Amino acid sequence: MKITNIAACMALVSAQVLAVHIALAASDVTARVGTVRVDGNGKGVIYLVGANPTSSCAVSQGFGFDANTKGGESIVKSAISAKLSGATVRITGTGACGIYSTAEDINSLYL
């Protein structure tokens, strides 16, 4: 009897983990930088030309960053450099929208 209950519990947990993983599928896009927005609080959004995040939370079609961190500072500098030079960038997201609820957080930016 206990084995059946444990098996049912394990199946339920596995299904829930799979659902969360699917909902938080991270983006991986390559395009030119269209707009870099930095707000007064140091957080901002990068919008790409012709490519949008694929995460279900990213309704603004941008990628969020926090320039108050060392990583975020490097990301915004790289994005501005790419914007000025017209270079193509590759952005991978985290699958989550924690910095802005409508923009996928940036995991990495490749120049």
C-alpha atoms as a PDB file:
ATOM      1  CA  MET A   1       0.000   0.000   0.000  1.00  0.00           C
ATOM      2  CA  LYS A   2       2.765   2.479   0.857  1.00  0.00           C
ATOM      3  CA  ILE A   3       4.583   1.774  -2.415  1.00  0.00           C
ATOM      4  CA  THR A   4       1.492   2.759  -4.424  1.00  0.00           C
ATOM      5  CA  ASN A   5       1.124   6.028  -2.512  1.00  0.00           C
ATOM      6  CA  ILE A   6       4.815   6.857  -2.939  1.00  0.00           C
ATOM      7  CA  ALA A   7       4.646   6.043  -6.652  1.00  0.00           C
ATOM      8  CA  ALA A   8       1.577   8.257  -7.089  1.00  0.00           C
ATOM      9  CA  CYS A   9       3.263  11.070  -5.182  1.00  0.00           C
ATOM     10  CA  MET A  10       6.431  10.743  -7.303  1.00  0.00           C
ATOM     11  CA  ALA A  11       4.363  10.832 -10.516  1.00  0.00           C
ATOM     12  CA  LEU A  12       2.577  13.987  -9.361  1.00  0.00           C
ATOM     13  CA  VAL A  13       5.825  15.730  -8.405  1.00  0.00           C
ATOM     14  CA  SER A  14       7.406  14.748 -11.740  1.00  0.00           C
ATOM     15  CA  ALA A  15       4.438  16.178 -13.647  1.00  0.00           C
ATOM     16  CA  GLN A  16       4.623  19.442 -11.700  1.00  0.00           C
ATOM     17  CA  VAL A  17       8.372  19.792 -12.272  1.00  0.00           C
ATOM     18  CA  LEU A  18       7.868  19.178 -15.999  1.00  0.00           C
ATOM     19  CA  ALA A  19       5.120  21.821 -16.129  1.00  0.00           C
ATOM     20  CA  VAL A  20       7.349  24.396 -14.429  1.00  0.00           C
ATOM     21  CA  HIS A  21      10.253  23.559 -16.763  1.00  0.00           C
ATOM     22  CA  ILE A  22       8.040  23.995 -19.840  1.00  0.00           C
ATOM     23  CA  ALA A  23       6.626  27.304 -18.547  1.00  0.00           C
ATOM     24  CA  LEU A  24      10.120  28.665 -17.914  1.00  0.00           C
ATOM     25  CA  ALA A  25      11.698  27.653 -21.224  1.00  0.00           C
ATOM     26  CA  ALA A  26      14.636  29.974 -21.749  1.00  0.00           C
ATOM     27  CA  SER A  27      15.137  31.976 -24.935  1.00  0.00           C
ATOM     28  CA  ASP A  28      18.150  31.749 -27.232  1.00  0.00           C
ATOM     29  CA  VAL A  29      17.994  34.389 -29.973  1.00  0.00           C
ATOM     30  CA  THR A  30      20.420  36.083 -32.361  1.00  0.00           C
ATOM     31  CA  ALA A  31      19.762  39.517 -33.888  1.00  0.00           C
ATOM     32  CA  ARG A  32      20.855  43.138 -33.950  1.00  0.00           C
ATOM     33  CA  VAL A  33      20.178  45.406 -30.970  1.00  0.00           C
ATOM     34  CA  GLY A  34      17.284  47.754 -31.641  1.00  0.00           C
ATOM     35  CA  THR A  35      16.861  49.690 -28.405  1.00  0.00           C
ATOM     36  CA  VAL A  36      18.623  49.734 -25.041  1.00  0.00           C
ATOM     37  CA  ARG A  37      16.509  51.245 -22.265  1.00  0.00           C
ATOM     38  CA  VAL A  38      18.040  51.981 -18.859  1.00  0.00           C
ATOM     39  CA  ASP A  39      15.770  53.284 -16.118  1.00  0.00           C
ATOM     40  CA  GLY A  40      16.755  55.522 -13.208  1.00  0.00           C
ATOM     41  CA  ASN A  41      17.009  52.523 -10.870  1.00  0.00           C
ATOM     42  CA  GLY A  42      19.734  50.951 -13.051  1.00  0.00           C
ATOM     43  CA  LYS A  43      17.490  48.243 -14.428  1.00  0.00           C
ATOM     44  CA  GLY A  44      16.693  48.111 -18.106  1.00  0.00           C
ATOM     45  CA  VAL A  45      15.537  46.233 -21.171  1.00  0.00           C
ATOM     46  CA  ILE A  46      17.243  45.341 -24.453  1.00  0.00           C
ATOM     47  CA  TYR A  47      15.016  45.029 -27.510  1.00  0.00           C
ATOM     48  CA  LEU A  48      16.324  43.171 -30.557  1.00  0.00           C
ATOM     49  CA  VAL A  49      15.430  43.755 -34.213  1.00  0.00           C
ATOM     50  CA  GLY A  50      13.277  40.932 -35.574  1.00  0.00           C
ATOM     51  CA  ALA A  51      13.786  38.537 -32.659  1.00  0.00           C
ATOM     52  CA  ASN A  52      11.828  38.219 -29.447  1.00  0.00           C
ATOM     53  CA  PRO A  53      12.137  36.205 -26.245  1.00  0.00           C
ATOM     54  CA  THR A  54      10.263  32.920 -26.314  1.00  0.00           C
ATOM     55  CA  SER A  55       9.586  32.727 -22.571  1.00  0.00           C
ATOM     56  CA  SER A  56       5.883  32.787 -21.754  1.00  0.00           C
ATOM     57  CA  CYS A  57       6.330  35.682 -19.300  1.00  0.00           C
ATOM     58  CA  ALA A  58       8.069  37.978 -21.819  1.00  0.00           C
ATOM     59  CA  VAL A  59       5.116  39.927 -23.152  1.00  0.00           C
ATOM     60  CA  SER A  60       7.147  43.112 -23.730  1.00  0.00           C
ATOM     61  CA  GLN A  61       9.410  41.311 -26.235  1.00  0.00           C
ATOM     62  CA  GLY A  62      12.507  42.535 -24.438  1.00  0.00           C
ATOM     63  CA  PHE A  63      15.276  41.134 -22.252  1.00  0.00           C
ATOM     64  CA  GLY A  64      15.727  42.550 -18.754  1.00  0.00           C
ATOM     65  CA  PHE A  65      19.023  43.272 -16.996  1.00  0.00           C
ATOM     66  CA  ASP A  66      20.198  44.981 -13.814  1.00  0.00           C
ATOM     67  CA  ALA A  67      23.152  47.320 -14.418  1.00  0.00           C
ATOM     68  CA  ASN A  68      23.650  47.611 -10.640  1.00  0.00           C
ATOM     69  CA  THR A  69      25.405  44.223 -10.795  1.00  0.00           C
ATOM     70  CA  LYS A  70      28.804  43.563 -12.412  1.00  0.00           C
ATOM     71  CA  GLY A  71      27.186  41.190 -14.912  1.00  0.00           C
ATOM     72  CA  GLY A  72      24.391  43.622 -15.739  1.00  0.00           C
ATOM     73  CA  GLU A  73      26.875  46.450 -16.171  1.00  0.00           C
ATOM     74  CA  SER A  74      28.839  44.336 -18.671  1.00  0.00           C
ATOM     75  CA  ILE A  75      25.642  43.377 -20.479  1.00  0.00           C
ATOM     76  CA  VAL A  76      24.500  46.980 -20.971  1.00  0.00           C
ATOM     77  CA  LYS A  77      27.967  48.085 -22.138  1.00  0.00           C
ATOM     78  CA  SER A  78      28.104  45.198 -24.625  1.00  0.00           C
ATOM     79  CA  ALA A  79      24.582  45.937 -25.863  1.00  0.00           C
ATOM     80  CA  ILE A  80      25.374  49.617 -26.422  1.00  0.00           C
ATOM     81  CA  SER A  81      28.594  48.677 -28.220  1.00  0.00           C
ATOM     82  CA  ALA A  82      26.676  46.274 -30.463  1.00  0.00           C
ATOM     83  CA  LYS A  83      23.997  48.901 -31.115  1.00  0.00           C
ATOM     84  CA  LEU A  84      26.566  51.523 -32.149  1.00  0.00           C
ATOM     85  CA  SER A  85      28.508  49.136 -34.393  1.00  0.00           C
ATOM     86  CA  GLY A  86      25.495  47.344 -35.874  1.00  0.00           C
ATOM     87  CA  ALA A  87      26.896  43.986 -34.714  1.00  0.00           C
ATOM     88  CA  THR A  88      24.712  40.945 -34.222  1.00  0.00           C
ATOM     89  CA  VAL A  89      24.364  39.620 -30.682  1.00  0.00           C
ATOM     90  CA  ARG A  90      23.180  36.342 -29.248  1.00  0.00           C
ATOM     91  CA  ILE A  91      21.156  36.570 -26.042  1.00  0.00           C
ATOM     92  CA  THR A  92      20.188  33.624 -23.893  1.00  0.00           C
ATOM     93  CA  GLY A  93      17.538  34.151 -21.281  1.00  0.00           C
ATOM     94  CA  THR A  94      16.807  32.536 -17.946  1.00  0.00           C
ATOM     95  CA  GLY A  95      13.190  31.707 -18.734  1.00  0.00           C
ATOM     96  CA  ALA A  96      12.092  33.924 -15.834  1.00  0.00           C
ATOM     97  CA  CYS A  97      10.911  37.517 -15.701  1.00  0.00           C
ATOM     98  CA  GLY A  98      12.266  38.659 -12.331  1.00  0.00           C
ATOM     99  CA  ILE A  99      13.758  42.061 -13.140  1.00  0.00           C
ATOM    100  CA  TYR A 100      10.638  43.189 -15.010  1.00  0.00           C
ATOM    101  CA  SER A 101       7.524  41.020 -14.958  1.00  0.00           C
ATOM    102  CA  THR A 102       7.100  41.445 -18.726  1.00  0.00           C
ATOM    103  CA  ALA A 103      10.703  40.982 -19.958  1.00  0.00           C
ATOM    104  CA  GLU A 104      12.773  37.800 -19.784  1.00  0.00           C
ATOM    105  CA  ASP A 105      15.911  38.124 -17.654  1.00  0.00           C
ATOM    106  CA  ILE A 106      19.197  37.872 -19.570  1.00  0.00           C
ATOM    107  CA  ASN A 107      21.399  34.930 -18.733  1.00  0.00           C
ATOM    108  CA  SER A 108      24.173  35.837 -21.176  1.00  0.00           C
ATOM    109  CA  LEU A 109      24.963  38.119 -24.101  1.00  0.00           C
ATOM    110  CA  TYR A 110      27.435  37.096 -26.829  1.00  0.00           C
ATOM    111  CA  LEU A 111      28.977  39.768 -29.023  1.00  0.00           C
END
